[in-house]
Amino acid sequence: MKIIRAKDYAELSKKAANIMAAQIINKPDCVLGLATGSSPIGLYKELIKKYENGDISFSKVRTINLDEYRGITKDNDQSYYYFMNDNLFSHVDIKAENTNIPNGENPDAEAECARYDAVIESFGGADIQLLGIGHDGHIGFNEPSDHFEKGTNCIDLTQMTIEANARFFASIDDVPKQAYTMGCGSIMKAKTVLLVANGKAKADIIYKAACGEVTPQIPASILQMHPNAIFVCDDEALSVVAEKCPEMISEF
């Protein structure tokens, strides 16, 4: 595992975007595993700038997203389908048919999970998988559990996750209670995993994920077992790691 320090969110976004842009340049038809939430928004803005400057093209890129709420329509402004189009896809030259997101409108969970696993398998996994991390260590919607899920699954969201996401909805009652998510096994198939985190509130969980016991109670801890996992975090998110295992932190 490599942990890269950034002084703040802006620098974090630039450093993480440089890693993803290098992947696109080195392999124009690469498979990008993408994430939603507040953490990657700055990264996406930086990628859009690189596209607008002519530094990168998404014309051959294929994408697979981590997750989607179950029971939500694509045109809902809180769907991850909407999020990706609003924050990245509609601003670059990616082909719509090359983007893949779990279908939250499919009520048949077993069929949808099997369909999405087949998509991931057809690509051989992602070349680089982007992740955020929840305060309880969840990646995608893989919540603390007694085991690591292998493939795409339909998961009941924890109350902590529902409360964390309530700020995006009119009320907490509007937050979906289930989601389709790529499993930890599918995430681990990516050739590179890139996790971004910022803020003091993430400091404790970043330490547990990077330096603590590998346990499904902290789903992100499985990334310690990945051959090429990269964490890009700001000073605040790395404050506990800097105190307890500073030797793990790099500037690049």
Protein backbone atom coordinates (compact mmCIF):
# COMPACT_ATOMS: atom_id res chain seq x y z
CA MET A 1 0.00 0.00 0.00
CA LYS A 2 1.17 3.50 -0.85
CA ILE A 3 -0.14 6.53 1.03
CA ILE A 4 0.33 9.89 -0.67
CA ARG A 5 0.00 13.07 1.37
CA ALA A 6 -1.66 16.22 0.07
CA LYS A 7 -1.81 19.49 1.99
CA ASP A 8 -5.50 20.05 1.27
CA TYR A 9 -8.47 18.92 -0.82
CA ALA A 10 -7.38 20.89 -3.90
CA GLU A 11 -3.95 19.27 -3.93
CA LEU A 12 -5.47 15.86 -3.19
CA SER A 13 -7.77 16.23 -6.21
CA LYS A 14 -4.89 17.21 -8.50
CA LYS A 15 -2.63 14.37 -7.36
CA ALA A 16 -5.39 11.76 -7.70
CA ALA A 17 -6.43 13.15 -11.12
CA ASN A 18 -2.84 12.90 -12.32
CA ILE A 19 -2.82 9.21 -11.45
CA MET A 20 -6.06 8.59 -13.35
CA ALA A 21 -4.97 10.74 -16.29
CA ALA A 22 -1.74 8.76 -16.57
CA GLN A 23 -3.80 5.58 -16.81
CA ILE A 24 -5.86 7.07 -19.66
CA ILE A 25 -2.77 8.29 -21.51
CA ASN A 26 -0.94 4.98 -21.14
CA LYS A 27 -4.00 2.93 -22.16
CA PRO A 28 -6.59 4.99 -24.07
CA ASP A 29 -9.13 2.14 -23.98
CA CYS A 30 -8.69 1.51 -20.28
CA VAL A 31 -11.44 0.51 -17.87
CA LEU A 32 -11.98 3.10 -15.16
CA GLY A 33 -13.81 2.04 -12.03
CA LEU A 34 -15.59 5.15 -10.79
CA ALA A 35 -17.08 6.32 -7.51
CA THR A 36 -19.58 8.92 -6.38
CA GLY A 37 -19.95 11.01 -3.25
CA SER A 38 -18.27 14.28 -2.29
CA SER A 39 -14.68 13.02 -2.17
CA PRO A 40 -14.09 12.47 -5.92
CA ILE A 41 -15.82 15.63 -7.19
CA GLY A 42 -12.61 17.66 -7.20
CA LEU A 43 -10.81 14.86 -9.03
CA TYR A 44 -13.51 14.83 -11.72
CA LYS A 45 -13.19 18.60 -12.13
CA GLU A 46 -9.45 18.19 -12.65
CA LEU A 47 -10.01 15.46 -15.26
CA ILE A 48 -12.47 17.71 -17.09
CA LYS A 49 -9.82 20.46 -17.17
CA LYS A 50 -7.30 18.02 -18.64
CA TYR A 51 -9.81 17.00 -21.29
CA GLU A 52 -10.62 20.62 -22.15
CA ASN A 53 -6.89 21.36 -22.44
CA GLY A 54 -6.50 18.46 -24.87
CA ASP A 55 -4.32 16.43 -22.51
CA ILE A 56 -6.62 13.40 -22.36
CA SER A 57 -9.51 11.86 -24.29
CA PHE A 58 -12.25 9.59 -22.99
CA SER A 59 -13.33 8.52 -26.49
CA LYS A 60 -12.14 4.92 -25.99
CA VAL A 61 -12.45 4.75 -22.21
CA ARG A 62 -14.90 2.30 -20.64
CA THR A 63 -16.24 2.75 -17.14
CA ILE A 64 -17.82 0.65 -14.41
CA ASN A 65 -19.31 2.40 -11.41
CA LEU A 66 -19.19 1.03 -7.91
CA ASP A 67 -22.80 1.27 -6.93
CA GLU A 68 -26.31 2.66 -7.26
CA TYR A 69 -29.26 3.03 -4.95
CA ARG A 70 -31.93 0.38 -5.42
CA GLY A 71 -35.39 1.66 -6.25
CA ILE A 72 -34.26 5.01 -7.64
CA THR A 73 -34.84 6.23 -11.20
CA LYS A 74 -32.04 7.42 -13.46
CA ASP A 75 -33.54 10.89 -13.75
CA ASN A 76 -33.63 11.35 -9.96
CA ASP A 77 -31.02 13.98 -9.15
CA GLN A 78 -29.75 11.80 -6.29
CA SER A 79 -29.16 8.74 -8.45
CA TYR A 80 -25.56 7.92 -9.19
CA TYR A 81 -26.44 7.74 -12.88
CA TYR A 82 -27.42 11.41 -12.63
CA PHE A 83 -24.33 12.21 -10.52
CA MET A 84 -21.90 10.76 -13.03
CA ASN A 85 -23.47 12.57 -15.96
CA ASP A 86 -23.58 15.83 -14.03
CA ASN A 87 -20.04 15.64 -12.66
CA LEU A 88 -18.11 13.97 -15.48
CA PHE A 89 -19.73 12.22 -18.43
CA SER A 90 -21.58 15.20 -19.92
CA HIS A 91 -18.37 17.28 -19.85
CA VAL A 92 -16.06 14.92 -21.75
CA ASP A 93 -16.07 12.88 -24.96
CA ILE A 94 -16.98 9.53 -23.41
CA LYS A 95 -19.48 7.37 -25.31
CA ALA A 96 -22.66 6.68 -23.36
CA GLU A 97 -22.57 3.02 -24.40
CA ASN A 98 -19.16 2.67 -22.76
CA THR A 99 -20.44 3.71 -19.31
CA ASN A 100 -21.82 1.14 -16.90
CA ILE A 101 -23.71 1.71 -13.65
CA PRO A 102 -25.87 -0.77 -11.74
CA ASN A 103 -29.50 -0.39 -12.72
CA GLY A 104 -31.30 0.82 -9.62
CA GLU A 105 -34.64 0.49 -11.42
CA ASN A 106 -34.33 -3.29 -11.70
CA PRO A 107 -36.42 -4.78 -8.86
CA ASP A 108 -34.92 -8.24 -9.43
CA ALA A 109 -31.84 -8.07 -7.22
CA GLU A 110 -30.48 -11.48 -8.16
CA ALA A 111 -30.75 -10.77 -11.89
CA GLU A 112 -29.23 -7.29 -11.60
CA CYS A 113 -26.28 -8.49 -9.53
CA ALA A 114 -25.60 -11.30 -12.00
CA ARG A 115 -25.85 -8.89 -14.93
CA TYR A 116 -23.40 -6.44 -13.40
CA ASP A 117 -20.94 -9.17 -12.44
CA ALA A 118 -20.98 -10.28 -16.08
CA VAL A 119 -20.14 -6.73 -17.18
CA ILE A 120 -17.21 -6.55 -14.77
CA GLU A 121 -15.97 -9.99 -15.82
CA SER A 122 -16.18 -9.06 -19.51
CA PHE A 123 -13.73 -6.23 -18.83
CA GLY A 124 -11.44 -8.35 -16.68
CA GLY A 125 -11.99 -5.91 -13.83
CA ALA A 126 -10.98 -2.26 -13.78
CA ASP A 127 -7.55 -1.00 -14.72
CA ILE A 128 -7.91 1.49 -11.90
CA GLN A 129 -10.73 1.56 -9.35
CA LEU A 130 -11.52 4.84 -7.62
CA LEU A 131 -12.88 4.68 -4.07
CA GLY A 132 -14.01 6.93 -1.29
CA ILE A 133 -14.37 5.64 2.24
CA GLY A 134 -17.22 5.89 4.74
CA HIS A 135 -16.79 6.82 8.38
CA ASP A 136 -17.36 3.15 9.26
CA GLY A 137 -14.85 1.96 6.64
CA HIS A 138 -17.31 1.02 3.93
CA ILE A 139 -16.12 1.07 0.31
CA GLY A 140 -18.82 1.25 -2.31
CA PHE A 141 -21.77 0.19 -0.19
CA ASN A 142 -19.91 -2.76 1.34
CA GLU A 143 -20.87 -2.15 4.95
CA PRO A 144 -19.20 -3.62 8.06
CA SER A 145 -20.03 -7.33 8.11
CA ASP A 146 -18.83 -10.73 9.21
CA HIS A 147 -17.44 -11.48 5.74
CA PHE A 148 -16.14 -9.78 2.61
CA GLU A 149 -18.65 -9.96 -0.26
CA LYS A 150 -17.18 -11.34 -3.48
CA GLY A 151 -19.43 -10.06 -6.23
CA THR A 152 -22.14 -7.49 -6.82
CA ASN A 153 -24.75 -7.64 -4.10
CA CYS A 154 -27.89 -5.89 -2.92
CA ILE A 155 -27.19 -4.52 0.52
CA ASP A 156 -29.26 -3.04 3.33
CA LEU A 157 -27.70 0.30 4.19
CA THR A 158 -26.71 0.88 7.80
CA GLN A 159 -28.30 3.68 9.79
CA MET A 160 -24.92 5.48 9.81
CA THR A 161 -24.79 5.45 6.01
CA ILE A 162 -28.42 6.52 5.70
CA GLU A 163 -27.80 9.43 8.07
CA ALA A 164 -24.60 10.40 6.24
CA ASN A 165 -26.47 10.51 2.93
CA ALA A 166 -29.55 12.29 4.30
CA ARG A 167 -27.97 15.69 3.56
CA PHE A 168 -28.46 15.00 -0.15
CA PHE A 169 -32.20 14.33 0.20
CA ALA A 170 -35.20 16.40 1.26
CA SER A 171 -35.47 14.29 4.41
CA ILE A 172 -33.94 11.16 5.89
CA ASP A 173 -37.12 9.29 5.01
CA ASP A 174 -36.33 9.84 1.31
CA VAL A 175 -32.94 8.13 1.49
CA PRO A 176 -33.10 4.69 -0.18
CA LYS A 177 -32.61 1.85 2.28
CA GLN A 178 -30.89 -0.53 -0.15
CA ALA A 179 -28.24 -0.32 -2.85
CA TYR A 180 -26.56 -2.44 -5.48
CA THR A 181 -22.81 -2.45 -4.94
CA MET A 182 -19.73 -3.99 -6.46
CA GLY A 183 -18.38 -6.50 -3.94
CA CYS A 184 -14.99 -6.33 -2.26
CA GLY A 185 -13.88 -9.26 -4.42
CA SER A 186 -14.68 -7.31 -7.58
CA ILE A 187 -12.89 -4.23 -6.25
CA MET A 188 -9.82 -6.34 -5.49
CA LYS A 189 -9.71 -7.52 -9.12
CA ALA A 190 -8.76 -4.02 -10.23
CA LYS A 191 -5.12 -3.69 -11.26
CA THR A 192 -4.82 -0.50 -9.22
CA VAL A 193 -7.07 0.80 -6.45
CA LEU A 194 -7.08 4.55 -5.80
CA LEU A 195 -8.76 5.70 -2.58
CA VAL A 196 -9.26 9.40 -1.83
CA ALA A 197 -10.19 10.90 1.53
CA ASN A 198 -10.09 14.31 3.13
CA GLY A 199 -10.95 15.93 6.41
CA LYS A 200 -10.36 15.30 10.09
CA ALA A 201 -13.52 13.18 10.32
CA LYS A 202 -11.85 10.51 8.17
CA ALA A 203 -8.58 10.40 10.15
CA ASP A 204 -9.47 7.53 12.48
CA ILE A 205 -10.94 5.29 9.78
CA ILE A 206 -8.03 5.92 7.41
CA TYR A 207 -5.68 4.76 10.15
CA LYS A 208 -7.77 1.64 10.81
CA ALA A 209 -8.04 0.85 7.10
CA ALA A 210 -4.35 1.33 6.36
CA CYS A 211 -2.65 0.24 9.59
CA GLY A 212 -5.16 -1.82 11.53
CA GLU A 213 -6.39 -5.40 11.44
CA VAL A 214 -7.72 -6.70 8.14
CA THR A 215 -11.32 -7.42 9.00
CA PRO A 216 -14.71 -7.26 7.26
CA GLN A 217 -15.79 -5.04 10.15
CA ILE A 218 -13.61 -2.42 8.39
CA PRO A 219 -14.27 -3.29 4.73
CA ALA A 220 -11.57 -0.92 3.41
CA SER A 221 -8.93 -2.81 5.41
CA ILE A 222 -8.96 -5.49 2.69
CA LEU A 223 -7.02 -3.03 0.54
CA GLN A 224 -3.94 -3.84 2.63
CA MET A 225 -3.94 -7.12 0.71
CA HIS A 226 -4.03 -5.46 -2.72
CA PRO A 227 -0.75 -5.44 -4.69
CA ASN A 228 -1.22 -1.85 -5.88
CA ALA A 229 -3.45 0.13 -3.53
CA ILE A 230 -2.89 3.89 -3.37
CA PHE A 231 -4.42 6.20 -0.77
CA VAL A 232 -4.34 9.93 -1.56
CA CYS A 233 -5.36 11.89 1.52
CA ASP A 234 -5.01 15.40 2.87
CA ASP A 235 -3.13 16.29 6.05
CA GLU A 236 -6.25 16.19 8.19
CA ALA A 237 -7.29 12.73 7.01
CA LEU A 238 -3.74 11.48 7.61
CA SER A 239 -3.33 13.02 11.06
CA VAL A 240 -3.66 9.71 12.96
CA VAL A 241 -1.52 7.79 10.46
CA ALA A 242 1.12 10.55 10.71
CA GLU A 243 1.15 10.13 14.48
CA LYS A 244 1.15 6.33 14.68
CA CYS A 245 2.79 5.05 11.47
CA PRO A 246 4.41 8.04 9.70
CA GLU A 247 6.78 5.80 7.75
CA MET A 248 3.87 4.80 5.51
CA ILE A 249 3.34 8.33 4.15
CA SER A 250 4.85 9.53 0.89
CA GLU A 251 4.77 12.94 -0.81
CA PHE A 252 4.42 11.39 -4.30
